[in-house]
Amino acid sequence: TSANPCDDFYTFACGGFSKKKQVIPAFSSKWSAQMELTMSVARKMSAVLEHDDGQAGRFYQSCSNFALVDSLGNKPM
């Protein structure tokens, strides 16, 4: 942003975010730069873990296999 931080610090710090056309997700009544960052990191982590053959990937994949989770009900995986 081209705002001078001494004149308008809010615009200097947040101007780029507030100029973007924001769409508030259906699951939320508000949206912020922090929430956008959190969701972006979560999407990236999910993409990595979906293809990870290590322990973390296997754990993530077992918990996100909703068909298996639903079919087992209360039984252990």
N, C-alpha and C. Protein backbone atom coordinates (compact mmCIF):
# COMPACT_ATOMS: atom_id res chain seq x y z
N THR A 1 0.85 -1.19 0.00
CA THR A 1 0.00 0.00 0.00
C THR A 1 0.89 1.25 0.00
N SER A 2 0.32 2.32 -0.45
CA SER A 2 1.11 3.56 -0.54
C SER A 2 0.82 4.51 0.62
N ALA A 3 0.09 4.06 1.61
CA ALA A 3 -0.23 4.92 2.75
C ALA A 3 1.01 5.18 3.59
N ASN A 4 1.10 6.35 4.14
CA ASN A 4 2.20 6.71 5.02
C ASN A 4 1.86 6.21 6.43
N PRO A 5 2.70 5.37 7.02
CA PRO A 5 2.38 4.82 8.33
C PRO A 5 2.28 5.88 9.42
N CYS A 6 2.93 7.03 9.24
CA CYS A 6 2.84 8.10 10.24
C CYS A 6 1.50 8.83 10.16
N ASP A 7 0.87 8.82 8.98
CA ASP A 7 -0.41 9.51 8.81
C ASP A 7 -1.60 8.59 9.08
N ASP A 8 -1.52 7.36 8.59
CA ASP A 8 -2.65 6.42 8.71
C ASP A 8 -2.11 5.01 8.83
N PHE A 9 -1.77 4.62 10.06
CA PHE A 9 -1.14 3.32 10.25
C PHE A 9 -2.07 2.17 9.90
N TYR A 10 -3.37 2.30 10.19
CA TYR A 10 -4.32 1.23 9.88
C TYR A 10 -4.33 0.94 8.38
N THR A 11 -4.42 1.95 7.55
CA THR A 11 -4.41 1.76 6.11
C THR A 11 -3.07 1.20 5.65
N PHE A 12 -1.99 1.68 6.25
CA PHE A 12 -0.66 1.17 5.91
C PHE A 12 -0.57 -0.33 6.21
N ALA A 13 -1.08 -0.75 7.37
CA ALA A 13 -0.96 -2.15 7.78
C ALA A 13 -2.02 -3.05 7.17
N CYS A 14 -3.23 -2.56 7.01
CA CYS A 14 -4.35 -3.41 6.58
C CYS A 14 -4.97 -2.99 5.25
N GLY A 15 -4.45 -1.98 4.64
CA GLY A 15 -5.06 -1.45 3.42
C GLY A 15 -5.20 -2.46 2.30
N GLY A 16 -4.18 -3.28 2.09
CA GLY A 16 -4.25 -4.28 1.03
C GLY A 16 -5.34 -5.30 1.29
N PHE A 17 -5.51 -5.70 2.54
CA PHE A 17 -6.54 -6.68 2.88
C PHE A 17 -7.93 -6.10 2.69
N SER A 18 -8.14 -4.86 3.14
CA SER A 18 -9.47 -4.29 3.05
C SER A 18 -9.84 -3.90 1.62
N LYS A 19 -8.85 -3.72 0.73
CA LYS A 19 -9.15 -3.40 -0.68
C LYS A 19 -9.56 -4.63 -1.47
N LYS A 20 -9.12 -5.82 -1.00
CA LYS A 20 -9.50 -7.05 -1.69
C LYS A 20 -10.99 -7.29 -1.50
N LYS A 21 -11.60 -7.87 -2.50
CA LYS A 21 -13.02 -8.20 -2.38
C LYS A 21 -13.14 -9.44 -1.50
N GLN A 22 -13.65 -9.25 -0.31
CA GLN A 22 -13.75 -10.33 0.66
C GLN A 22 -15.11 -11.00 0.58
N VAL A 23 -15.09 -12.31 0.59
CA VAL A 23 -16.32 -13.09 0.64
C VAL A 23 -16.31 -13.82 1.97
N ILE A 24 -17.27 -13.52 2.81
CA ILE A 24 -17.35 -14.16 4.12
C ILE A 24 -17.91 -15.57 3.92
N PRO A 25 -17.18 -16.59 4.37
CA PRO A 25 -17.66 -17.97 4.20
C PRO A 25 -18.98 -18.20 4.92
N ALA A 26 -19.74 -19.16 4.43
CA ALA A 26 -21.06 -19.45 5.00
C ALA A 26 -20.96 -19.90 6.46
N PHE A 27 -19.84 -20.50 6.86
CA PHE A 27 -19.71 -21.02 8.22
C PHE A 27 -19.32 -19.94 9.22
N SER A 28 -19.16 -18.69 8.79
CA SER A 28 -18.69 -17.64 9.68
C SER A 28 -19.52 -16.37 9.51
N SER A 29 -19.61 -15.61 10.58
CA SER A 29 -20.33 -14.33 10.50
C SER A 29 -19.37 -13.17 10.28
N LYS A 30 -18.07 -13.47 10.27
CA LYS A 30 -17.06 -12.43 10.06
C LYS A 30 -15.86 -13.05 9.37
N TRP A 31 -14.95 -12.23 8.91
CA TRP A 31 -13.75 -12.70 8.23
C TRP A 31 -12.65 -11.69 8.46
N SER A 32 -11.44 -12.16 8.68
CA SER A 32 -10.32 -11.27 8.94
C SER A 32 -9.08 -11.81 8.24
N ALA A 33 -8.04 -11.02 8.23
CA ALA A 33 -6.77 -11.45 7.63
C ALA A 33 -6.24 -12.67 8.38
N GLN A 34 -6.37 -12.70 9.69
CA GLN A 34 -5.90 -13.84 10.48
C GLN A 34 -6.69 -15.10 10.13
N MET A 35 -8.00 -14.98 9.98
CA MET A 35 -8.81 -16.13 9.62
C MET A 35 -8.46 -16.62 8.21
N GLU A 36 -8.21 -15.69 7.30
CA GLU A 36 -7.82 -16.06 5.95
C GLU A 36 -6.50 -16.82 5.96
N LEU A 37 -5.54 -16.35 6.74
CA LEU A 37 -4.25 -17.01 6.85
C LEU A 37 -4.40 -18.40 7.47
N THR A 38 -5.20 -18.51 8.51
CA THR A 38 -5.44 -19.80 9.17
C THR A 38 -6.03 -20.80 8.19
N MET A 39 -7.02 -20.40 7.43
CA MET A 39 -7.65 -21.30 6.46
C MET A 39 -6.68 -21.67 5.34
N SER A 40 -5.87 -20.73 4.91
CA SER A 40 -4.89 -21.00 3.86
C SER A 40 -3.87 -22.04 4.34
N VAL A 41 -3.38 -21.89 5.55
CA VAL A 41 -2.42 -22.85 6.11
C VAL A 41 -3.08 -24.22 6.26
N ALA A 42 -4.32 -24.26 6.73
CA ALA A 42 -5.03 -25.53 6.90
C ALA A 42 -5.20 -26.24 5.56
N ARG A 43 -5.55 -25.50 4.51
CA ARG A 43 -5.70 -26.11 3.18
C ARG A 43 -4.37 -26.68 2.69
N LYS A 44 -3.29 -25.93 2.88
CA LYS A 44 -1.97 -26.39 2.44
C LYS A 44 -1.53 -27.62 3.23
N MET A 45 -1.77 -27.62 4.54
CA MET A 45 -1.41 -28.77 5.37
C MET A 45 -2.20 -30.00 4.95
N SER A 46 -3.49 -29.83 4.67
CA SER A 46 -4.32 -30.95 4.24
C SER A 46 -3.80 -31.53 2.93
N ALA A 47 -3.43 -30.66 2.00
CA ALA A 47 -2.91 -31.12 0.71
C ALA A 47 -1.63 -31.93 0.89
N VAL A 48 -0.76 -31.49 1.79
CA VAL A 48 0.49 -32.21 2.04
C VAL A 48 0.21 -33.54 2.72
N LEU A 49 -0.64 -33.53 3.74
CA LEU A 49 -0.90 -34.75 4.51
C LEU A 49 -1.67 -35.80 3.73
N GLU A 50 -2.46 -35.37 2.74
CA GLU A 50 -3.20 -36.33 1.92
C GLU A 50 -2.26 -37.25 1.14
N HIS A 51 -1.06 -36.78 0.88
CA HIS A 51 -0.11 -37.55 0.07
C HIS A 51 1.11 -38.00 0.87
N ASP A 52 1.08 -37.85 2.18
CA ASP A 52 2.21 -38.21 3.03
C ASP A 52 2.08 -39.67 3.44
N ASP A 53 3.15 -40.45 3.24
CA ASP A 53 3.14 -41.86 3.62
C ASP A 53 3.69 -42.10 5.02
N GLY A 54 4.09 -41.04 5.70
CA GLY A 54 4.63 -41.16 7.05
C GLY A 54 3.52 -41.30 8.08
N GLN A 55 3.92 -41.31 9.35
CA GLN A 55 2.97 -41.50 10.44
C GLN A 55 1.90 -40.40 10.48
N ALA A 56 2.31 -39.16 10.30
CA ALA A 56 1.35 -38.05 10.34
C ALA A 56 0.35 -38.17 9.18
N GLY A 57 0.84 -38.51 8.01
CA GLY A 57 -0.04 -38.67 6.86
C GLY A 57 -1.03 -39.79 7.05
N ARG A 58 -0.56 -40.93 7.57
CA ARG A 58 -1.47 -42.06 7.79
C ARG A 58 -2.54 -41.71 8.83
N PHE A 59 -2.14 -41.02 9.89
CA PHE A 59 -3.09 -40.60 10.91
C PHE A 59 -4.14 -39.66 10.31
N TYR A 60 -3.68 -38.66 9.56
CA TYR A 60 -4.60 -37.70 8.93
C TYR A 60 -5.55 -38.43 7.99
N GLN A 61 -5.02 -39.30 7.16
CA GLN A 61 -5.84 -40.01 6.18
C GLN A 61 -6.86 -40.91 6.85
N SER A 62 -6.50 -41.53 7.97
CA SER A 62 -7.46 -42.40 8.66
C SER A 62 -8.59 -41.58 9.25
N CYS A 63 -8.28 -40.37 9.71
CA CYS A 63 -9.32 -39.53 10.30
C CYS A 63 -10.17 -38.83 9.25
N SER A 64 -9.65 -38.69 8.04
CA SER A 64 -10.43 -38.00 7.01
C SER A 64 -11.10 -38.98 6.05
N ASN A 65 -11.02 -40.28 6.35
CA ASN A 65 -11.73 -41.28 5.56
C ASN A 65 -13.13 -41.41 6.16
N PHE A 66 -14.01 -40.49 5.80
CA PHE A 66 -15.32 -40.39 6.44
C PHE A 66 -16.19 -41.60 6.18
N ALA A 67 -16.05 -42.24 5.02
CA ALA A 67 -16.83 -43.45 4.74
C ALA A 67 -16.47 -44.54 5.74
N LEU A 68 -15.17 -44.72 6.00
CA LEU A 68 -14.72 -45.73 6.95
C LEU A 68 -15.17 -45.37 8.36
N VAL A 69 -15.00 -44.11 8.74
CA VAL A 69 -15.40 -43.66 10.08
C VAL A 69 -16.90 -43.90 10.29
N ASP A 70 -17.73 -43.56 9.31
CA ASP A 70 -19.17 -43.75 9.43
C ASP A 70 -19.53 -45.23 9.50
N SER A 71 -18.84 -46.06 8.70
CA SER A 71 -19.18 -47.49 8.68
C SER A 71 -18.80 -48.18 9.99
N LEU A 72 -17.74 -47.70 10.67
CA LEU A 72 -17.33 -48.32 11.93
C LEU A 72 -18.16 -47.88 13.13
N GLY A 73 -18.79 -46.75 13.02
CA GLY A 73 -19.57 -46.24 14.15
C GLY A 73 -18.69 -46.02 15.36
N ASN A 74 -19.02 -46.68 16.48
CA ASN A 74 -18.27 -46.51 17.72
C ASN A 74 -17.11 -47.49 17.85
N LYS A 75 -16.90 -48.35 16.87
CA LYS A 75 -15.83 -49.34 16.94
C LYS A 75 -14.48 -48.65 16.71
N PRO A 76 -13.42 -49.20 17.31
CA PRO A 76 -12.09 -48.61 17.06
C PRO A 76 -11.64 -48.84 15.62
N MET A 77 -10.80 -47.96 15.14
CA MET A 77 -10.32 -48.09 13.76
C MET A 77 -9.25 -49.13 13.74
